[in-house]
Every structure is written in structure tokens, then in C-alpha cells.
């Protein structure tokens, strides 16, 4: 039984490290949605996000294909990290319950 508990504790430590890393990586990425608006033959980039009750648009400037691709990649990275963070938090919840003896199985 001690081996199982020590394994669960080690998994918990690993999951906590991953959660911390994902949060740190998420802070480096822009929040919100990336939008491109076209006016005449020019394209302009904006990041739209919520700031409390308000919706705020941050102007990024004139965009070429390379810049648009860059911001789209950043948004995909953010979405990927959010998925990973959600998954790791579910894992953390399960591990904490298991270490407290609160599993979803019925006790005998």
C-alpha cells in the first residue's frame, strides 16, 4: 500500500509542476481572440478580449501574411495550453481525492 501512496504523491508533484509551467506559458501568450479586418487592400490586426464587463480591442497594426500566421499560431498555442491545463487540473482533482481516500468507488 505504501508503494501505491508514494506513486500517487509523485504523480501529484509532477502534475503540480505541469500546472505551474502551463500557467507560466499561458501568461506569455496574448489573451483573447485575434481578428483581421480588411479596409481597401490593407489588413489590420486586433486582439479582442474581455476586461471585466467591457470588451476591449487592442490594435496590432497593419498585417501581412507572415504576421497573421504568427498571431494565429499564438492563438492555437494558447488554446492548446488551456486544454492541457484543464486536463491536468482534472488529474490533480482525482489524485487529491485518491490520497484523501475519497475515490468514486463504493467502500466495503
C-alpha atoms as a PDB file:
ATOM      1  CA  UNK A   1       0.000   0.000   0.000  1.00  0.00           C
ATOM      2  CA  UNK A   2       2.893   2.374   0.727  1.00  0.00           C
ATOM      3  CA  UNK A   3       4.155   1.938  -2.835  1.00  0.00           C
ATOM      4  CA  UNK A   4       0.783   2.992  -4.208  1.00  0.00           C
ATOM      5  CA  UNK A   5       0.610   6.055  -1.966  1.00  0.00           C
ATOM      6  CA  UNK A   6       4.160   7.113  -2.805  1.00  0.00           C
ATOM      7  CA  UNK A   7       3.407   6.682  -6.520  1.00  0.00           C
ATOM      8  CA  UNK A   8       0.284   8.825  -6.190  1.00  0.00           C
ATOM      9  CA  UNK A   9       2.244  11.501  -4.311  1.00  0.00           C
ATOM     10  CA  UNK A  10       4.903  11.532  -7.015  1.00  0.00           C
ATOM     11  CA  UNK A  11       2.221  11.859  -9.702  1.00  0.00           C
ATOM     12  CA  UNK A  12       0.695  14.727  -7.730  1.00  0.00           C
ATOM     13  CA  UNK A  13       4.059  16.541  -7.610  1.00  0.00           C
ATOM     14  CA  UNK A  14       4.519  16.051 -11.346  1.00  0.00           C
ATOM     15  CA  UNK A  15       1.002  17.307 -12.097  1.00  0.00           C
ATOM     16  CA  UNK A  16       1.551  20.387  -9.910  1.00  0.00           C
ATOM     17  CA  UNK A  17       4.792  21.175 -11.760  1.00  0.00           C
ATOM     18  CA  UNK A  18       2.999  20.830 -15.096  1.00  0.00           C
ATOM     19  CA  UNK A  19       0.153  23.075 -13.941  1.00  0.00           C
ATOM     20  CA  UNK A  20       2.661  25.736 -12.870  1.00  0.00           C
ATOM     21  CA  UNK A  21       4.521  25.500 -16.192  1.00  0.00           C
ATOM     22  CA  UNK A  22       1.320  25.711 -18.255  1.00  0.00           C
ATOM     23  CA  UNK A  23       0.167  28.782 -16.301  1.00  0.00           C
ATOM     24  CA  UNK A  24       3.561  30.425 -16.819  1.00  0.00           C
ATOM     25  CA  UNK A  25       3.471  29.666 -20.559  1.00  0.00           C
ATOM     26  CA  UNK A  26      -0.108  30.955 -20.839  1.00  0.00           C
ATOM     27  CA  UNK A  27       0.897  34.289 -19.307  1.00  0.00           C
ATOM     28  CA  UNK A  28       3.373  34.818 -22.147  1.00  0.00           C
ATOM     29  CA  UNK A  29       0.675  34.443 -24.812  1.00  0.00           C
ATOM     30  CA  UNK A  30      -1.864  37.132 -25.748  1.00  0.00           C
ATOM     31  CA  UNK A  31      -5.340  36.766 -24.255  1.00  0.00           C
ATOM     32  CA  UNK A  32      -8.469  36.997 -26.359  1.00  0.00           C
ATOM     33  CA  UNK A  33      -9.321  36.423 -29.996  1.00  0.00           C
ATOM     34  CA  UNK A  34      -7.256  37.537 -32.947  1.00  0.00           C
ATOM     35  CA  UNK A  35      -9.196  39.268 -35.717  1.00  0.00           C
ATOM     36  CA  UNK A  36      -8.149  40.669 -39.072  1.00  0.00           C
ATOM     37  CA  UNK A  37     -10.145  43.488 -40.605  1.00  0.00           C
ATOM     38  CA  UNK A  38      -9.819  44.457 -44.248  1.00  0.00           C
ATOM     39  CA  UNK A  39     -10.101  48.015 -45.449  1.00  0.00           C
ATOM     40  CA  UNK A  40      -9.381  48.662 -49.100  1.00  0.00           C
ATOM     41  CA  UNK A  41      -6.387  46.429 -49.872  1.00  0.00           C
ATOM     42  CA  UNK A  42      -4.940  46.593 -46.352  1.00  0.00           C
ATOM     43  CA  UNK A  43      -5.390  44.202 -43.456  1.00  0.00           C
ATOM     44  CA  UNK A  44      -5.293  45.296 -39.818  1.00  0.00           C
ATOM     45  CA  UNK A  45      -4.945  43.063 -36.778  1.00  0.00           C
ATOM     46  CA  UNK A  46      -6.791  43.304 -33.474  1.00  0.00           C
ATOM     47  CA  UNK A  47      -6.930  41.265 -30.300  1.00  0.00           C
ATOM     48  CA  UNK A  48     -10.393  41.293 -28.737  1.00  0.00           C
ATOM     49  CA  UNK A  49     -10.685  40.336 -25.075  1.00  0.00           C
ATOM     50  CA  UNK A  50     -12.852  40.890 -22.050  1.00  0.00           C
ATOM     51  CA  UNK A  51     -11.672  43.308 -19.373  1.00  0.00           C
ATOM     52  CA  UNK A  52     -14.169  42.921 -16.535  1.00  0.00           C
ATOM     53  CA  UNK A  53     -17.536  43.837 -18.005  1.00  0.00           C
ATOM     54  CA  UNK A  54     -16.064  45.566 -21.040  1.00  0.00           C
ATOM     55  CA  UNK A  55     -14.936  44.129 -24.361  1.00  0.00           C
ATOM     56  CA  UNK A  56     -11.610  45.689 -25.339  1.00  0.00           C
ATOM     57  CA  UNK A  57      -9.958  45.676 -28.749  1.00  0.00           C
ATOM     58  CA  UNK A  58      -6.213  46.127 -28.916  1.00  0.00           C
ATOM     59  CA  UNK A  59      -4.959  47.413 -32.251  1.00  0.00           C
ATOM     60  CA  UNK A  60      -1.907  45.487 -33.503  1.00  0.00           C
ATOM     61  CA  UNK A  61      -1.266  47.394 -36.706  1.00  0.00           C
ATOM     62  CA  UNK A  62      -1.075  46.653 -40.381  1.00  0.00           C
ATOM     63  CA  UNK A  63      -0.717  42.943 -41.100  1.00  0.00           C
ATOM     64  CA  UNK A  64       0.990  40.942 -43.811  1.00  0.00           C
ATOM     65  CA  UNK A  65       0.621  37.174 -44.281  1.00  0.00           C
ATOM     66  CA  UNK A  66       3.593  36.437 -42.047  1.00  0.00           C
ATOM     67  CA  UNK A  67       2.234  38.465 -39.100  1.00  0.00           C
ATOM     68  CA  UNK A  68      -1.246  36.988 -39.491  1.00  0.00           C
ATOM     69  CA  UNK A  69       0.218  33.473 -39.457  1.00  0.00           C
ATOM     70  CA  UNK A  70       2.273  34.359 -36.346  1.00  0.00           C
ATOM     71  CA  UNK A  71      -0.754  35.577 -34.365  1.00  0.00           C
ATOM     72  CA  UNK A  72      -2.851  32.603 -35.483  1.00  0.00           C
ATOM     73  CA  UNK A  73      -0.107  30.285 -34.207  1.00  0.00           C
ATOM     74  CA  UNK A  74      -0.044  32.125 -30.873  1.00  0.00           C
ATOM     75  CA  UNK A  75      -3.815  31.711 -30.526  1.00  0.00           C
ATOM     76  CA  UNK A  76      -3.565  27.984 -31.345  1.00  0.00           C
ATOM     77  CA  UNK A  77      -0.799  27.596 -28.744  1.00  0.00           C
ATOM     78  CA  UNK A  78      -2.973  29.346 -26.148  1.00  0.00           C
ATOM     79  CA  UNK A  79      -5.908  27.052 -26.914  1.00  0.00           C
ATOM     80  CA  UNK A  80      -3.635  24.007 -26.672  1.00  0.00           C
ATOM     81  CA  UNK A  81      -2.242  25.109 -23.290  1.00  0.00           C
ATOM     82  CA  UNK A  82      -5.762  25.737 -21.999  1.00  0.00           C
ATOM     83  CA  UNK A  83      -6.751  22.184 -22.975  1.00  0.00           C
ATOM     84  CA  UNK A  84      -3.677  20.776 -21.263  1.00  0.00           C
ATOM     85  CA  UNK A  85      -4.338  22.868 -18.162  1.00  0.00           C
ATOM     86  CA  UNK A  86      -7.925  21.642 -17.963  1.00  0.00           C
ATOM     87  CA  UNK A  87      -6.757  18.048 -18.269  1.00  0.00           C
ATOM     88  CA  UNK A  88      -4.029  18.411 -15.655  1.00  0.00           C
ATOM     89  CA  UNK A  89      -6.468  20.047 -13.221  1.00  0.00           C
ATOM     90  CA  UNK A  90      -8.856  17.115 -13.604  1.00  0.00           C
ATOM     91  CA  UNK A  91      -5.941  14.789 -12.924  1.00  0.00           C
ATOM     92  CA  UNK A  92      -4.986  16.831  -9.844  1.00  0.00           C
ATOM     93  CA  UNK A  93      -8.516  16.560  -8.517  1.00  0.00           C
ATOM     94  CA  UNK A  94      -8.523  12.786  -8.914  1.00  0.00           C
ATOM     95  CA  UNK A  95      -5.094  12.412  -7.321  1.00  0.00           C
ATOM     96  CA  UNK A  96      -6.022  14.582  -4.335  1.00  0.00           C
ATOM     97  CA  UNK A  97      -9.210  12.605  -3.764  1.00  0.00           C
ATOM     98  CA  UNK A  98      -7.333   9.321  -4.016  1.00  0.00           C
ATOM     99  CA  UNK A  99      -4.746  10.484  -1.491  1.00  0.00           C
ATOM    100  CA  UNK A 100      -7.509  11.506   0.922  1.00  0.00           C
ATOM    101  CA  UNK A 101      -9.213   8.146   0.436  1.00  0.00           C
ATOM    102  CA  UNK A 102     -12.178   9.646  -1.397  1.00  0.00           C
ATOM    103  CA  UNK A 103     -12.464   7.593  -4.543  1.00  0.00           C
ATOM    104  CA  UNK A 104     -15.614   7.269  -6.594  1.00  0.00           C
ATOM    105  CA  UNK A 105     -15.796   3.538  -5.865  1.00  0.00           C
ATOM    106  CA  UNK A 106     -18.003   2.293  -3.052  1.00  0.00           C
ATOM    107  CA  UNK A 107     -16.171   1.369   0.143  1.00  0.00           C
ATOM    108  CA  UNK A 108     -16.585  -2.046   1.702  1.00  0.00           C
END
